[in-house]
Amino acid sequence: MRDRVEDRLRDLTARGDELPDTQERINGLLAAVVALAEDLSLEAVLDRLVRSACALVGAKYGALGVIGDDRTLSHFITVGIDEEGIRSIGDLPTGHGVLGLLIREPKPLRLHDLGQHPIASGFPRNHPPMKTFLGVPVRVRDEVFGNLYLTEKFGGKDFTPEDEDLAVALAAAAGVAIQNARLFEDSNRRQRWLEAGMELSSRLIMASHPGDADSLDLVAETALKVSDSALAVIAVPAGGGVLRCQSSLGVQGLQAGQEITVSATVS
C-alpha cells in the first residue's frame, strides 16, 4: 500500500510546476487518509471513502461497489443521490457494462463520456445523467475488495491524470482502513459472543431445569441478539434426515415440535 501511495504522490509532485494547486490537493489527500484511519466502523470507512474521493477530484456523484463471492456487486454505497432518488431508480447495479469491466479488469479507467464506451449498458429509468467517469479498484491486501466510481466532474471538465493519482492513492489508503475496520468488528463480535456465553452459562447453571423449554428459549434469545440475526432456531435430529424444532425466536419462527427436512435448510 505504501508503495502505491508513494508512487502516486511522486507522480503528482513531478507535475507540480504545471499544477499550482498540487500542494493543496496533496494536503487534502493526507487529511482524507487521516480521517479514514480514525473510523473503526466498516460502513463508516466506506462512506467516508466515497465522500472524500468526490471532494478530492471534484465529482458530483460517487459510489463504491463491493464485489461479492459471485463476482458481482453485492453492496453499493452512493454519494450525490438522495434517498428518494435512489428509490426512484430501483434496483442497484450488480456489475454490468463499464462497472463489470472494472470487475474483470481492476485497473484505473478514465472516460470522457461513459455512455459512449463500447460496452456501456445504459442507465435505468430516473437515473441522473452521467458523462465523465473515473473508476479505480480498492484492494485489501492483494485482493480487490471493490471499485470506486466517480462521475460528473464539476465544471463539465474531464477527470485528469492528477485526479486519477489522487483517487488511486486514496483507494490504497482505504484498503488498510477497511482491513483495520474488519479486524475491529471481528474482535468486537468475538468479545460479544464470549460475554454472552459466560452470562448464559451462569443463568443456565442457576436454572432449576437447564434442559427445559424456558432454558432453550434463553439460548435462542441470546444467539438472536448477539448475532444480529432475524431468526434463531434450536433443532435436534429426529432421524431420516429430519430435524425437530425445540425452540424458535424471530421472524417466521417455527413451532416447537415442528419438523424440518435437512435438504430444505440453508447452511
C-alpha atoms as a PDB file:
ATOM      1  CA  MET A   1       0.000   0.000   0.000  1.00  0.00           C
ATOM      2  CA  ARG A   2       2.779   2.441   0.920  1.00  0.00           C
ATOM      3  CA  ASP A   3       4.458   1.885  -2.439  1.00  0.00           C
ATOM      4  CA  ARG A   4       1.245   2.639  -4.338  1.00  0.00           C
ATOM      5  CA  VAL A   5       0.620   5.821  -2.361  1.00  0.00           C
ATOM      6  CA  GLU A   6       4.225   6.990  -2.719  1.00  0.00           C
ATOM      7  CA  ASP A   7       4.193   6.306  -6.455  1.00  0.00           C
ATOM      8  CA  ARG A   8       1.086   8.410  -6.958  1.00  0.00           C
ATOM      9  CA  LEU A   9       2.370  11.216  -4.738  1.00  0.00           C
ATOM     10  CA  ARG A  10       5.615  11.176  -6.715  1.00  0.00           C
ATOM     11  CA  ASP A  11       3.650  11.496  -9.937  1.00  0.00           C
ATOM     12  CA  LEU A  12       1.697  14.424  -8.545  1.00  0.00           C
ATOM     13  CA  THR A  13       4.819  16.153  -7.259  1.00  0.00           C
ATOM     14  CA  ALA A  14       6.579  15.677 -10.595  1.00  0.00           C
ATOM     15  CA  ARG A  15       3.792  17.650 -12.251  1.00  0.00           C
ATOM     16  CA  GLY A  16       3.821  20.288  -9.535  1.00  0.00           C
ATOM     17  CA  ASP A  17       5.235  23.052 -11.739  1.00  0.00           C
ATOM     18  CA  GLU A  18       2.313  22.632 -14.119  1.00  0.00           C
ATOM     19  CA  LEU A  19      -0.277  22.478 -11.342  1.00  0.00           C
ATOM     20  CA  PRO A  20      -0.187  25.402  -8.894  1.00  0.00           C
ATOM     21  CA  ASP A  21      -2.721  23.732  -6.590  1.00  0.00           C
ATOM     22  CA  THR A  22      -0.774  20.462  -6.317  1.00  0.00           C
ATOM     23  CA  GLN A  23       0.315  21.004  -2.706  1.00  0.00           C
ATOM     24  CA  GLU A  24      -3.214  21.908  -1.682  1.00  0.00           C
ATOM     25  CA  ARG A  25      -4.551  18.720  -3.271  1.00  0.00           C
ATOM     26  CA  ILE A  26      -1.852  16.616  -1.600  1.00  0.00           C
ATOM     27  CA  ASN A  27      -2.794  18.184   1.733  1.00  0.00           C
ATOM     28  CA  GLY A  28      -6.405  17.283   1.011  1.00  0.00           C
ATOM     29  CA  LEU A  29      -5.386  13.708   0.282  1.00  0.00           C
ATOM     30  CA  LEU A  30      -3.400  13.430   3.511  1.00  0.00           C
ATOM     31  CA  ALA A  31      -6.323  14.843   5.510  1.00  0.00           C
ATOM     32  CA  ALA A  32      -8.638  12.283   3.904  1.00  0.00           C
ATOM     33  CA  VAL A  33      -6.223   9.446   4.704  1.00  0.00           C
ATOM     34  CA  VAL A  34      -6.057  10.518   8.357  1.00  0.00           C
ATOM     35  CA  ALA A  35      -9.849  10.729   8.524  1.00  0.00           C
ATOM     36  CA  LEU A  36     -10.169   7.202   7.108  1.00  0.00           C
ATOM     37  CA  ALA A  37      -7.815   5.888   9.773  1.00  0.00           C
ATOM     38  CA  GLU A  38      -9.976   7.396  12.526  1.00  0.00           C
ATOM     39  CA  ASP A  39     -13.058   5.362  11.584  1.00  0.00           C
ATOM     40  CA  LEU A  40     -13.391   1.880  13.080  1.00  0.00           C
ATOM     41  CA  SER A  41     -16.809   1.015  11.660  1.00  0.00           C
ATOM     42  CA  LEU A  42     -16.564  -0.623   8.231  1.00  0.00           C
ATOM     43  CA  GLU A  43     -19.699   1.144   6.995  1.00  0.00           C
ATOM     44  CA  ALA A  44     -18.301   4.499   8.158  1.00  0.00           C
ATOM     45  CA  VAL A  45     -14.975   3.846   6.413  1.00  0.00           C
ATOM     46  CA  LEU A  46     -16.700   3.038   3.118  1.00  0.00           C
ATOM     47  CA  ASP A  47     -18.964   6.087   3.289  1.00  0.00           C
ATOM     48  CA  ARG A  48     -16.065   8.394   4.146  1.00  0.00           C
ATOM     49  CA  LEU A  49     -14.006   6.943   1.289  1.00  0.00           C
ATOM     50  CA  VAL A  50     -16.650   7.854  -1.294  1.00  0.00           C
ATOM     51  CA  ARG A  51     -17.257  11.327   0.148  1.00  0.00           C
ATOM     52  CA  SER A  52     -13.535  12.079   0.394  1.00  0.00           C
ATOM     53  CA  ALA A  53     -12.919  10.894  -3.157  1.00  0.00           C
ATOM     54  CA  CYS A  54     -15.699  13.133  -4.505  1.00  0.00           C
ATOM     55  CA  ALA A  55     -14.240  16.134  -2.680  1.00  0.00           C
ATOM     56  CA  LEU A  56     -10.673  15.421  -3.823  1.00  0.00           C
ATOM     57  CA  VAL A  57     -11.403  15.149  -7.538  1.00  0.00           C
ATOM     58  CA  GLY A  58     -14.442  17.422  -7.744  1.00  0.00           C
ATOM     59  CA  ALA A  59     -17.000  14.760  -8.639  1.00  0.00           C
ATOM     60  CA  LYS A  60     -20.726  15.389  -8.292  1.00  0.00           C
ATOM     61  CA  TYR A  61     -21.519  11.698  -7.861  1.00  0.00           C
ATOM     62  CA  GLY A  62     -19.570   8.891  -6.245  1.00  0.00           C
ATOM     63  CA  ALA A  63     -20.163   5.261  -5.420  1.00  0.00           C
ATOM     64  CA  LEU A  64     -18.368   2.238  -4.050  1.00  0.00           C
ATOM     65  CA  GLY A  65     -19.347  -1.177  -5.326  1.00  0.00           C
ATOM     66  CA  VAL A  66     -18.303  -4.062  -3.077  1.00  0.00           C
ATOM     67  CA  ILE A  67     -17.565  -7.244  -5.018  1.00  0.00           C
ATOM     68  CA  GLY A  68     -19.203 -10.409  -3.704  1.00  0.00           C
ATOM     69  CA  ASP A  69     -18.117 -14.033  -3.940  1.00  0.00           C
ATOM     70  CA  ASP A  70     -20.010 -14.425  -7.220  1.00  0.00           C
ATOM     71  CA  ARG A  71     -18.003 -11.561  -8.779  1.00  0.00           C
ATOM     72  CA  THR A  72     -20.978  -9.218  -8.910  1.00  0.00           C
ATOM     73  CA  LEU A  73     -21.614  -6.109  -6.828  1.00  0.00           C
ATOM     74  CA  SER A  74     -23.081  -7.267  -3.539  1.00  0.00           C
ATOM     75  CA  HIS A  75     -23.154  -3.872  -1.818  1.00  0.00           C
ATOM     76  CA  PHE A  76     -23.381  -0.365  -3.254  1.00  0.00           C
ATOM     77  CA  ILE A  77     -22.720   2.885  -1.383  1.00  0.00           C
ATOM     78  CA  THR A  78     -23.636   6.134  -3.134  1.00  0.00           C
ATOM     79  CA  VAL A  79     -22.977   9.839  -2.636  1.00  0.00           C
ATOM     80  CA  GLY A  80     -24.720  12.639  -4.518  1.00  0.00           C
ATOM     81  CA  ILE A  81     -28.119  10.980  -4.960  1.00  0.00           C
ATOM     82  CA  ASP A  82     -30.639  11.349  -2.144  1.00  0.00           C
ATOM     83  CA  GLU A  83     -32.767   8.537  -0.759  1.00  0.00           C
ATOM     84  CA  GLU A  84     -35.775   9.479  -2.860  1.00  0.00           C
ATOM     85  CA  GLY A  85     -33.636   9.447  -5.988  1.00  0.00           C
ATOM     86  CA  ILE A  86     -32.215   6.035  -5.114  1.00  0.00           C
ATOM     87  CA  ARG A  87     -35.720   4.633  -4.594  1.00  0.00           C
ATOM     88  CA  SER A  88     -36.912   6.035  -7.924  1.00  0.00           C
ATOM     89  CA  ILE A  89     -34.015   4.378  -9.763  1.00  0.00           C
ATOM     90  CA  GLY A  90     -34.928   0.959  -8.403  1.00  0.00           C
ATOM     91  CA  ASP A  91     -32.532  -1.955  -8.160  1.00  0.00           C
ATOM     92  CA  LEU A  92     -28.901  -1.044  -7.541  1.00  0.00           C
ATOM     93  CA  PRO A  93     -26.250  -2.059 -10.086  1.00  0.00           C
ATOM     94  CA  THR A  94     -24.810  -5.565  -9.953  1.00  0.00           C
ATOM     95  CA  GLY A  95     -21.924  -5.089 -12.368  1.00  0.00           C
ATOM     96  CA  HIS A  96     -22.994  -4.822 -15.997  1.00  0.00           C
ATOM     97  CA  GLY A  97     -21.402  -2.670 -18.684  1.00  0.00           C
ATOM     98  CA  VAL A  98     -18.462  -0.495 -17.653  1.00  0.00           C
ATOM     99  CA  LEU A  99     -18.928  -1.418 -13.986  1.00  0.00           C
ATOM    100  CA  GLY A 100     -18.497  -5.060 -14.952  1.00  0.00           C
ATOM    101  CA  LEU A 101     -15.392  -4.202 -16.968  1.00  0.00           C
ATOM    102  CA  LEU A 102     -13.752  -2.819 -13.832  1.00  0.00           C
ATOM    103  CA  ILE A 103     -14.579  -6.039 -12.000  1.00  0.00           C
ATOM    104  CA  ARG A 104     -12.979  -8.143 -14.739  1.00  0.00           C
ATOM    105  CA  GLU A 105     -10.061  -5.768 -15.306  1.00  0.00           C
ATOM    106  CA  PRO A 106      -9.357  -3.999 -11.998  1.00  0.00           C
ATOM    107  CA  LYS A 107      -7.297  -1.018 -13.105  1.00  0.00           C
ATOM    108  CA  PRO A 108      -7.945   2.750 -13.246  1.00  0.00           C
ATOM    109  CA  LEU A 109     -10.265   3.907 -16.020  1.00  0.00           C
ATOM    110  CA  ARG A 110     -10.996   7.482 -17.148  1.00  0.00           C
ATOM    111  CA  LEU A 111     -13.685   8.219 -19.714  1.00  0.00           C
ATOM    112  CA  HIS A 112     -14.799  11.415 -21.437  1.00  0.00           C
ATOM    113  CA  ASP A 113     -18.277  10.000 -21.992  1.00  0.00           C
ATOM    114  CA  LEU A 114     -19.405   6.964 -20.031  1.00  0.00           C
ATOM    115  CA  GLY A 115     -22.338   6.344 -22.350  1.00  0.00           C
ATOM    116  CA  GLN A 116     -20.112   6.136 -25.435  1.00  0.00           C
ATOM    117  CA  HIS A 117     -17.977   3.253 -24.174  1.00  0.00           C
ATOM    118  CA  PRO A 118     -18.387   0.168 -26.425  1.00  0.00           C
ATOM    119  CA  ILE A 119     -19.787  -1.976 -23.615  1.00  0.00           C
ATOM    120  CA  ALA A 120     -21.888   0.706 -21.904  1.00  0.00           C
ATOM    121  CA  SER A 121     -25.230  -0.785 -20.876  1.00  0.00           C
ATOM    122  CA  GLY A 122     -27.108   2.483 -20.421  1.00  0.00           C
ATOM    123  CA  PHE A 123     -28.802   3.879 -17.331  1.00  0.00           C
ATOM    124  CA  PRO A 124     -32.026   2.760 -15.685  1.00  0.00           C
ATOM    125  CA  ARG A 125     -35.095   4.938 -15.704  1.00  0.00           C
ATOM    126  CA  ASN A 126     -34.908   8.040 -13.442  1.00  0.00           C
ATOM    127  CA  HIS A 127     -31.101   7.777 -13.225  1.00  0.00           C
ATOM    128  CA  PRO A 128     -29.369  11.190 -13.317  1.00  0.00           C
ATOM    129  CA  PRO A 129     -27.294  11.847 -16.451  1.00  0.00           C
ATOM    130  CA  MET A 130     -23.627  10.969 -16.076  1.00  0.00           C
ATOM    131  CA  LYS A 131     -20.902  11.582 -18.634  1.00  0.00           C
ATOM    132  CA  THR A 132     -17.335  11.997 -17.366  1.00  0.00           C
ATOM    133  CA  PHE A 133     -16.145   8.973 -15.396  1.00  0.00           C
ATOM    134  CA  LEU A 134     -13.249   7.839 -13.228  1.00  0.00           C
ATOM    135  CA  GLY A 135     -13.074   4.341 -11.762  1.00  0.00           C
ATOM    136  CA  VAL A 136     -10.359   2.817  -9.583  1.00  0.00           C
ATOM    137  CA  PRO A 137     -10.133  -0.531  -7.757  1.00  0.00           C
ATOM    138  CA  VAL A 138      -9.946  -0.715  -3.968  1.00  0.00           C
ATOM    139  CA  ARG A 139      -7.656  -3.505  -2.777  1.00  0.00           C
ATOM    140  CA  VAL A 140      -7.415  -5.047   0.677  1.00  0.00           C
ATOM    141  CA  ARG A 141      -4.007  -6.687   0.798  1.00  0.00           C
ATOM    142  CA  ASP A 142      -3.759  -8.194  -2.676  1.00  0.00           C
ATOM    143  CA  GLU A 143      -7.458  -8.850  -3.232  1.00  0.00           C
ATOM    144  CA  VAL A 144      -9.851  -6.467  -4.962  1.00  0.00           C
ATOM    145  CA  PHE A 145     -12.468  -5.515  -2.372  1.00  0.00           C
ATOM    146  CA  GLY A 146     -14.492  -3.337  -4.708  1.00  0.00           C
ATOM    147  CA  ASN A 147     -14.372  -0.410  -7.105  1.00  0.00           C
ATOM    148  CA  LEU A 148     -14.668   3.318  -6.567  1.00  0.00           C
ATOM    149  CA  TYR A 149     -16.762   5.086  -9.211  1.00  0.00           C
ATOM    150  CA  LEU A 150     -16.689   8.872  -9.662  1.00  0.00           C
ATOM    151  CA  THR A 151     -18.752  10.745 -12.253  1.00  0.00           C
ATOM    152  CA  GLU A 152     -19.619  14.238 -13.467  1.00  0.00           C
ATOM    153  CA  LYS A 153     -16.573  16.360 -12.667  1.00  0.00           C
ATOM    154  CA  PHE A 154     -17.694  19.865 -11.732  1.00  0.00           C
ATOM    155  CA  GLY A 155     -17.337  22.465 -14.459  1.00  0.00           C
ATOM    156  CA  GLY A 156     -18.045  19.959 -17.200  1.00  0.00           C
ATOM    157  CA  LYS A 157     -14.371  19.046 -17.406  1.00  0.00           C
ATOM    158  CA  ASP A 158     -12.809  15.627 -17.869  1.00  0.00           C
ATOM    159  CA  PHE A 159     -11.120  13.867 -14.983  1.00  0.00           C
ATOM    160  CA  THR A 160      -7.365  14.375 -15.247  1.00  0.00           C
ATOM    161  CA  PRO A 161      -4.343  12.125 -14.662  1.00  0.00           C
ATOM    162  CA  GLU A 162      -3.871  14.045 -11.400  1.00  0.00           C
ATOM    163  CA  ASP A 163      -7.418  13.152 -10.351  1.00  0.00           C
ATOM    164  CA  GLU A 164      -6.607   9.524 -11.088  1.00  0.00           C
ATOM    165  CA  ASP A 165      -3.418   9.707  -8.992  1.00  0.00           C
ATOM    166  CA  LEU A 166      -5.358  11.129  -6.052  1.00  0.00           C
ATOM    167  CA  ALA A 167      -8.135   8.549  -6.322  1.00  0.00           C
ATOM    168  CA  VAL A 168      -5.687   5.639  -6.575  1.00  0.00           C
ATOM    169  CA  ALA A 169      -3.690   6.880  -3.578  1.00  0.00           C
ATOM    170  CA  LEU A 170      -6.859   7.331  -1.517  1.00  0.00           C
ATOM    171  CA  ALA A 171      -8.108   3.875  -2.530  1.00  0.00           C
ATOM    172  CA  ALA A 172      -4.807   2.344  -1.424  1.00  0.00           C
ATOM    173  CA  ALA A 173      -5.062   4.006   1.988  1.00  0.00           C
ATOM    174  CA  ALA A 174      -8.699   2.932   2.222  1.00  0.00           C
ATOM    175  CA  GLY A 175      -7.632  -0.689   1.763  1.00  0.00           C
ATOM    176  CA  VAL A 176      -5.707  -0.525   5.033  1.00  0.00           C
ATOM    177  CA  ALA A 177      -8.574   1.264   6.805  1.00  0.00           C
ATOM    178  CA  ILE A 178     -11.027  -1.383   5.567  1.00  0.00           C
ATOM    179  CA  GLN A 179      -8.782  -4.174   6.827  1.00  0.00           C
ATOM    180  CA  ASN A 180      -8.458  -2.498  10.232  1.00  0.00           C
ATOM    181  CA  ALA A 181     -12.222  -1.960  10.460  1.00  0.00           C
ATOM    182  CA  ARG A 182     -12.830  -5.620   9.641  1.00  0.00           C
ATOM    183  CA  LEU A 183     -10.387  -6.721  12.336  1.00  0.00           C
ATOM    184  CA  PHE A 184     -12.008  -4.372  14.848  1.00  0.00           C
ATOM    185  CA  GLU A 185     -15.505  -5.646  14.053  1.00  0.00           C
ATOM    186  CA  ASP A 186     -14.341  -9.275  14.231  1.00  0.00           C
ATOM    187  CA  SER A 187     -12.747  -8.610  17.614  1.00  0.00           C
ATOM    188  CA  ASN A 188     -15.914  -6.939  18.889  1.00  0.00           C
ATOM    189  CA  ARG A 189     -18.034  -9.808  17.601  1.00  0.00           C
ATOM    190  CA  ARG A 190     -15.891 -12.406  19.371  1.00  0.00           C
ATOM    191  CA  GLN A 191     -15.993 -10.365  22.566  1.00  0.00           C
ATOM    192  CA  ARG A 192     -19.800 -10.137  22.425  1.00  0.00           C
ATOM    193  CA  TRP A 193     -20.116 -13.902  21.959  1.00  0.00           C
ATOM    194  CA  LEU A 194     -17.680 -14.560  24.801  1.00  0.00           C
ATOM    195  CA  GLU A 195     -19.501 -12.266  27.217  1.00  0.00           C
ATOM    196  CA  ALA A 196     -22.909 -13.593  26.173  1.00  0.00           C
ATOM    197  CA  GLY A 197     -21.722 -17.174  26.558  1.00  0.00           C
ATOM    198  CA  MET A 198     -20.447 -16.532  30.069  1.00  0.00           C
ATOM    199  CA  GLU A 199     -23.682 -14.812  31.100  1.00  0.00           C
ATOM    200  CA  LEU A 200     -25.772 -17.573  29.541  1.00  0.00           C
ATOM    201  CA  SER A 201     -23.786 -20.273  31.329  1.00  0.00           C
ATOM    202  CA  SER A 202     -24.340 -18.566  34.671  1.00  0.00           C
ATOM    203  CA  ARG A 203     -28.084 -18.271  34.080  1.00  0.00           C
ATOM    204  CA  LEU A 204     -28.393 -21.886  32.950  1.00  0.00           C
ATOM    205  CA  ILE A 205     -26.474 -23.140  35.982  1.00  0.00           C
ATOM    206  CA  MET A 206     -28.900 -21.286  38.230  1.00  0.00           C
ATOM    207  CA  ALA A 207     -31.953 -22.608  36.349  1.00  0.00           C
ATOM    208  CA  SER A 208     -33.948 -25.314  38.114  1.00  0.00           C
ATOM    209  CA  HIS A 209     -34.300 -27.370  34.914  1.00  0.00           C
ATOM    210  CA  PRO A 210     -31.444 -26.452  32.486  1.00  0.00           C
ATOM    211  CA  GLY A 211     -32.868 -28.544  29.640  1.00  0.00           C
ATOM    212  CA  ASP A 212     -36.475 -27.334  29.727  1.00  0.00           C
ATOM    213  CA  ALA A 213     -38.208 -25.155  27.151  1.00  0.00           C
ATOM    214  CA  ASP A 214     -37.511 -21.920  29.030  1.00  0.00           C
ATOM    215  CA  SER A 215     -33.779 -22.633  29.038  1.00  0.00           C
ATOM    216  CA  LEU A 216     -33.775 -23.406  25.322  1.00  0.00           C
ATOM    217  CA  ASP A 217     -35.647 -20.167  24.656  1.00  0.00           C
ATOM    218  CA  LEU A 218     -32.967 -18.360  26.632  1.00  0.00           C
ATOM    219  CA  VAL A 219     -30.245 -19.879  24.443  1.00  0.00           C
ATOM    220  CA  ALA A 220     -32.132 -18.921  21.276  1.00  0.00           C
ATOM    221  CA  GLU A 221     -32.752 -15.409  22.586  1.00  0.00           C
ATOM    222  CA  THR A 222     -29.057 -14.927  23.342  1.00  0.00           C
ATOM    223  CA  ALA A 223     -27.987 -16.207  19.922  1.00  0.00           C
ATOM    224  CA  LEU A 224     -30.560 -13.995  18.183  1.00  0.00           C
ATOM    225  CA  LYS A 225     -29.382 -10.887  19.984  1.00  0.00           C
ATOM    226  CA  VAL A 226     -25.624 -11.386  19.731  1.00  0.00           C
ATOM    227  CA  SER A 227     -25.648 -12.437  16.076  1.00  0.00           C
ATOM    228  CA  ASP A 228     -27.980  -9.606  14.978  1.00  0.00           C
ATOM    229  CA  SER A 229     -29.942 -12.246  13.108  1.00  0.00           C
ATOM    230  CA  ALA A 230     -33.603 -12.254  12.160  1.00  0.00           C
ATOM    231  CA  LEU A 231     -34.222 -15.844  13.259  1.00  0.00           C
ATOM    232  CA  ALA A 232     -32.741 -18.298  15.755  1.00  0.00           C
ATOM    233  CA  VAL A 233     -33.788 -21.945  15.859  1.00  0.00           C
ATOM    234  CA  ILE A 234     -32.671 -24.775  18.128  1.00  0.00           C
ATOM    235  CA  ALA A 235     -33.349 -28.136  16.494  1.00  0.00           C
ATOM    236  CA  VAL A 236     -32.326 -31.723  17.234  1.00  0.00           C
ATOM    237  CA  PRO A 237     -32.004 -34.727  14.892  1.00  0.00           C
ATOM    238  CA  ALA A 238     -35.232 -36.694  14.585  1.00  0.00           C
ATOM    239  CA  GLY A 239     -33.920 -39.348  12.204  1.00  0.00           C
ATOM    240  CA  GLY A 240     -34.395 -39.821   8.490  1.00  0.00           C
ATOM    241  CA  GLY A 241     -32.782 -36.523   7.545  1.00  0.00           C
ATOM    242  CA  VAL A 242     -35.252 -34.568   9.653  1.00  0.00           C
ATOM    243  CA  LEU A 243     -34.669 -32.002  12.411  1.00  0.00           C
ATOM    244  CA  ARG A 244     -37.240 -31.278  15.113  1.00  0.00           C
ATOM    245  CA  CYS A 245     -37.589 -27.701  16.333  1.00  0.00           C
ATOM    246  CA  GLN A 246     -37.158 -27.341  20.092  1.00  0.00           C
ATOM    247  CA  SER A 247     -37.155 -23.546  20.279  1.00  0.00           C
ATOM    248  CA  SER A 248     -37.529 -20.692  17.788  1.00  0.00           C
ATOM    249  CA  LEU A 249     -37.432 -16.906  18.072  1.00  0.00           C
ATOM    250  CA  GLY A 250     -37.592 -14.168  15.462  1.00  0.00           C
ATOM    251  CA  VAL A 251     -39.389 -13.636  12.175  1.00  0.00           C
ATOM    252  CA  GLN A 252     -41.172 -16.583  10.610  1.00  0.00           C
ATOM    253  CA  GLY A 253     -40.496 -18.605  13.714  1.00  0.00           C
ATOM    254  CA  LEU A 254     -41.189 -22.328  13.763  1.00  0.00           C
ATOM    255  CA  GLN A 255     -43.366 -24.015  16.336  1.00  0.00           C
ATOM    256  CA  ALA A 256     -41.878 -26.317  18.964  1.00  0.00           C
ATOM    257  CA  GLY A 257     -42.124 -29.862  17.680  1.00  0.00           C
ATOM    258  CA  GLN A 258     -42.294 -28.800  14.046  1.00  0.00           C
ATOM    259  CA  GLU A 259     -40.077 -30.891  11.787  1.00  0.00           C
ATOM    260  CA  ILE A 260     -37.649 -29.540   9.198  1.00  0.00           C
ATOM    261  CA  THR A 261     -36.266 -31.503   6.273  1.00  0.00           C
ATOM    262  CA  VAL A 262     -32.488 -31.083   6.285  1.00  0.00           C
ATOM    263  CA  SER A 263     -32.268 -30.817   2.490  1.00  0.00           C
ATOM    264  CA  ALA A 264     -34.532 -27.762   2.609  1.00  0.00           C
ATOM    265  CA  THR A 265     -32.453 -25.849   5.144  1.00  0.00           C
ATOM    266  CA  VAL A 266     -29.908 -23.132   4.469  1.00  0.00           C
ATOM    267  CA  SER A 267     -26.476 -23.708   5.963  1.00  0.00           C
END
